[in-house]
Amino acid sequence: MIVGVPSVRRRAFALIELLVSIAILAGLLLPAPETRRAH
């Protein structure tokens, strides 16, 4: 079979973790400017 599959899976999980962390950071940082604009 393909030997590079495990490395690809690890890369995929790493990308998913990065996307999740970015999404969380964005969720925390984005609402702040909106509330400031509201005031």
PDB file of N, CA and C in Angstrom:
ATOM      1  N   MET A   1       0.847  -1.200   0.000  1.00  0.00           N
ATOM      2  CA  MET A   1       0.000   0.000   0.000  1.00  0.00           C
ATOM      3  C   MET A   1       0.887   1.257   0.000  1.00  0.00           C
ATOM      4  N   ILE A   2       0.307   2.371   0.331  1.00  0.00           N
ATOM      5  CA  ILE A   2       1.077   3.621   0.321  1.00  0.00           C
ATOM      6  C   ILE A   2       1.717   3.848   1.692  1.00  0.00           C
ATOM      7  N   VAL A   3       3.032   4.101   1.695  1.00  0.00           N
ATOM      8  CA  VAL A   3       3.750   4.283   2.961  1.00  0.00           C
ATOM      9  C   VAL A   3       3.519   5.688   3.517  1.00  0.00           C
ATOM     10  N   GLY A   4       3.228   6.645   2.648  1.00  0.00           N
ATOM     11  CA  GLY A   4       3.104   8.040   3.071  1.00  0.00           C
ATOM     12  C   GLY A   4       1.746   8.369   3.683  1.00  0.00           C
ATOM     13  N   VAL A   5       0.845   7.395   3.775  1.00  0.00           N
ATOM     14  CA  VAL A   5      -0.499   7.677   4.289  1.00  0.00           C
ATOM     15  C   VAL A   5      -0.483   8.196   5.729  1.00  0.00           C
ATOM     16  N   PRO A   6       0.251   7.543   6.655  1.00  0.00           N
ATOM     17  CA  PRO A   6       0.263   8.013   8.053  1.00  0.00           C
ATOM     18  C   PRO A   6       0.715   9.468   8.152  1.00  0.00           C
ATOM     19  N   SER A   7       1.749   9.844   7.397  1.00  0.00           N
ATOM     20  CA  SER A   7       2.238  11.224   7.449  1.00  0.00           C
ATOM     21  C   SER A   7       1.152  12.176   6.963  1.00  0.00           C
ATOM     22  N   VAL A   8       0.428  11.762   5.924  1.00  0.00           N
ATOM     23  CA  VAL A   8      -0.657  12.598   5.386  1.00  0.00           C
ATOM     24  C   VAL A   8      -1.739  12.774   6.430  1.00  0.00           C
ATOM     25  N   ARG A   9      -2.045  11.693   7.146  1.00  0.00           N
ATOM     26  CA  ARG A   9      -3.078  11.780   8.191  1.00  0.00           C
ATOM     27  C   ARG A   9      -2.633  12.736   9.283  1.00  0.00           C
ATOM     28  N   ARG A  10      -1.353  12.628   9.671  1.00  0.00           N
ATOM     29  CA  ARG A  10      -0.837  13.520  10.716  1.00  0.00           C
ATOM     30  C   ARG A  10      -0.935  14.963  10.250  1.00  0.00           C
ATOM     31  N   ARG A  11      -0.603  15.213   8.986  1.00  0.00           N
ATOM     32  CA  ARG A  11      -0.685  16.576   8.453  1.00  0.00           C
ATOM     33  C   ARG A  11      -2.134  17.051   8.463  1.00  0.00           C
ATOM     34  N   ALA A  12      -3.046  16.162   8.111  1.00  0.00           N
ATOM     35  CA  ALA A  12      -4.469  16.519   8.072  1.00  0.00           C
ATOM     36  C   ALA A  12      -4.949  16.902   9.470  1.00  0.00           C
ATOM     37  N   PHE A  13      -4.578  16.088  10.476  1.00  0.00           N
ATOM     38  CA  PHE A  13      -4.995  16.394  11.848  1.00  0.00           C
ATOM     39  C   PHE A  13      -4.384  17.703  12.313  1.00  0.00           C
ATOM     40  N   ALA A  14      -3.126  17.946  11.914  1.00  0.00           N
ATOM     41  CA  ALA A  14      -2.456  19.189  12.301  1.00  0.00           C
ATOM     42  C   ALA A  14      -3.196  20.385  11.700  1.00  0.00           C
ATOM     43  N   LEU A  15      -3.601  20.257  10.435  1.00  0.00           N
ATOM     44  CA  LEU A  15      -4.331  21.351   9.777  1.00  0.00           C
ATOM     45  C   LEU A  15      -5.665  21.586  10.463  1.00  0.00           C
ATOM     46  N   ILE A  16      -6.346  20.490  10.835  1.00  0.00           N
ATOM     47  CA  ILE A  16      -7.647  20.618  11.501  1.00  0.00           C
ATOM     48  C   ILE A  16      -7.478  21.339  12.841  1.00  0.00           C
ATOM     49  N   GLU A  17      -6.418  20.956  13.587  1.00  0.00           N
ATOM     50  CA  GLU A  17      -6.178  21.594  14.886  1.00  0.00           C
ATOM     51  C   GLU A  17      -5.914  23.081  14.699  1.00  0.00           C
ATOM     52  N   LEU A  18      -5.148  23.422  13.655  1.00  0.00           N
ATOM     53  CA  LEU A  18      -4.852  24.836  13.380  1.00  0.00           C
ATOM     54  C   LEU A  18      -6.136  25.587  13.050  1.00  0.00           C
ATOM     55  N   LEU A  19      -6.996  24.968  12.224  1.00  0.00           N
ATOM     56  CA  LEU A  19      -8.248  25.621  11.837  1.00  0.00           C
ATOM     57  C   LEU A  19      -9.138  25.833  13.057  1.00  0.00           C
ATOM     58  N   VAL A  20      -9.191  24.833  13.930  1.00  0.00           N
ATOM     59  CA  VAL A  20     -10.026  24.945  15.131  1.00  0.00           C
ATOM     60  C   VAL A  20      -9.507  26.061  16.031  1.00  0.00           C
ATOM     61  N   SER A  21      -8.184  26.096  16.234  1.00  0.00           N
ATOM     62  CA  SER A  21      -7.597  27.125  17.098  1.00  0.00           C
ATOM     63  C   SER A  21      -7.845  28.514  16.512  1.00  0.00           C
ATOM     64  N   ILE A  22      -7.685  28.635  15.190  1.00  0.00           N
ATOM     65  CA  ILE A  22      -7.919  29.920  14.523  1.00  0.00           C
ATOM     66  C   ILE A  22      -9.384  30.324  14.664  1.00  0.00           C
ATOM     67  N   ALA A  23     -10.279  29.350  14.530  1.00  0.00           N
ATOM     68  CA  ALA A  23     -11.709  29.636  14.641  1.00  0.00           C
ATOM     69  C   ALA A  23     -12.046  30.126  16.050  1.00  0.00           C
ATOM     70  N   ILE A  24     -11.442  29.503  17.051  1.00  0.00           N
ATOM     71  CA  ILE A  24     -11.682  29.909  18.445  1.00  0.00           C
ATOM     72  C   ILE A  24     -11.146  31.319  18.676  1.00  0.00           C
ATOM     73  N   LEU A  25      -9.916  31.566  18.202  1.00  0.00           N
ATOM     74  CA  LEU A  25      -9.316  32.896  18.367  1.00  0.00           C
ATOM     75  C   LEU A  25     -10.166  33.936  17.642  1.00  0.00           C
ATOM     76  N   ALA A  26     -10.624  33.608  16.455  1.00  0.00           N
ATOM     77  CA  ALA A  26     -11.444  34.537  15.678  1.00  0.00           C
ATOM     78  C   ALA A  26     -12.747  34.815  16.425  1.00  0.00           C
ATOM     79  N   GLY A  27     -13.336  33.787  17.021  1.00  0.00           N
ATOM     80  CA  GLY A  27     -14.586  33.947  17.760  1.00  0.00           C
ATOM     81  C   GLY A  27     -14.406  34.846  18.968  1.00  0.00           C
ATOM     82  N   LEU A  28     -13.199  34.813  19.544  1.00  0.00           N
ATOM     83  CA  LEU A  28     -12.942  35.641  20.729  1.00  0.00           C
ATOM     84  C   LEU A  28     -12.571  37.065  20.335  1.00  0.00           C
ATOM     85  N   LEU A  29     -11.872  37.209  19.207  1.00  0.00           N
ATOM     86  CA  LEU A  29     -11.360  38.533  18.817  1.00  0.00           C
ATOM     87  C   LEU A  29     -12.375  39.319  17.991  1.00  0.00           C
ATOM     88  N   LEU A  30     -13.146  38.647  17.147  1.00  0.00           N
ATOM     89  CA  LEU A  30     -14.063  39.354  16.244  1.00  0.00           C
ATOM     90  C   LEU A  30     -15.207  40.079  16.977  1.00  0.00           C
ATOM     91  N   PRO A  31     -15.854  39.450  17.966  1.00  0.00           N
ATOM     92  CA  PRO A  31     -16.987  40.109  18.637  1.00  0.00           C
ATOM     93  C   PRO A  31     -16.591  41.424  19.320  1.00  0.00           C
ATOM     94  N   ALA A  32     -15.339  41.543  19.752  1.00  0.00           N
ATOM     95  CA  ALA A  32     -14.900  42.748  20.476  1.00  0.00           C
ATOM     96  C   ALA A  32     -15.070  44.015  19.628  1.00  0.00           C
ATOM     97  N   PRO A  33     -14.525  44.055  18.406  1.00  0.00           N
ATOM     98  CA  PRO A  33     -14.692  45.259  17.566  1.00  0.00           C
ATOM     99  C   PRO A  33     -16.167  45.571  17.305  1.00  0.00           C
ATOM    100  N   GLU A  34     -16.987  44.535  17.176  1.00  0.00           N
ATOM    101  CA  GLU A  34     -18.407  44.764  16.903  1.00  0.00           C
ATOM    102  C   GLU A  34     -19.072  45.455  18.088  1.00  0.00           C
ATOM    103  N   THR A  35     -18.758  45.004  19.295  1.00  0.00           N
ATOM    104  CA  THR A  35     -19.350  45.621  20.487  1.00  0.00           C
ATOM    105  C   THR A  35     -18.849  47.053  20.629  1.00  0.00           C
ATOM    106  N   ARG A  36     -17.570  47.267  20.301  1.00  0.00           N
ATOM    107  CA  ARG A  36     -17.013  48.620  20.389  1.00  0.00           C
ATOM    108  C   ARG A  36     -17.705  49.525  19.370  1.00  0.00           C
ATOM    109  N   ARG A  37     -17.978  48.984  18.190  1.00  0.00           N
ATOM    110  CA  ARG A  37     -18.645  49.770  17.151  1.00  0.00           C
ATOM    111  C   ARG A  37     -20.078  50.094  17.580  1.00  0.00           C
ATOM    112  N   ALA A  38     -20.719  49.150  18.282  1.00  0.00           N
ATOM    113  CA  ALA A  38     -22.095  49.354  18.724  1.00  0.00           C
ATOM    114  C   ALA A  38     -22.162  50.555  19.650  1.00  0.00           C
ATOM    115  N   HIS A  39     -21.165  50.670  20.513  1.00  0.00           N
ATOM    116  CA  HIS A  39     -21.125  51.814  21.418  1.00  0.00           C
ATOM    117  C   HIS A  39     -20.625  53.034  20.655  1.00  0.00           C
TER     118      HIS A  39
END
